[in-house]
Amino acid sequence: MEKNEKELKGVIEDYFETGCEGIMWTFYEDGKEGYGGLHNLEAGDHLTILDDDGSELFSGIIKPNREIGKQVIPLNPEYSQPVALGCWIHWTQDGFLPDDWARLFFRKPPLRAILRKK
């Protein structure tokens, strides 16, 4: 871990609100409330996702792929956006299929994770 990096513990979640124009992949920090605990995952962040038994499902640097899974927007065909599990998204982790990456964030209860912001 680099000198200025802070290791955060929490859960991963899909996040959407009006104006987002698609689901965002987020991390919600333990012990925080509201937007104060919400972290958007960004290129260069280091994320470790843990299965229910504590084993690692993913551990690596976030590298957004904004091309995989792109579909034409039906009512605006000159534009396209990635889709996963039938939902508009912004990106998929490089090396994953969109549906596989999305399934990690759609799990209920949410999966535990460790985040180091870039």
Foldseek 3Di string as FASTA:
>chain_A
DDPPWDKFKFFWAWDDDPPPQFTFTWGAGPPDDDPVRIDTQDFQKWKWWADPVRDTPDTGGFDWDFPAQWDADVVHRVDIGHDEPRTGHRTAGPPDHRPVRVVQRHDVVTIMMMIIGD
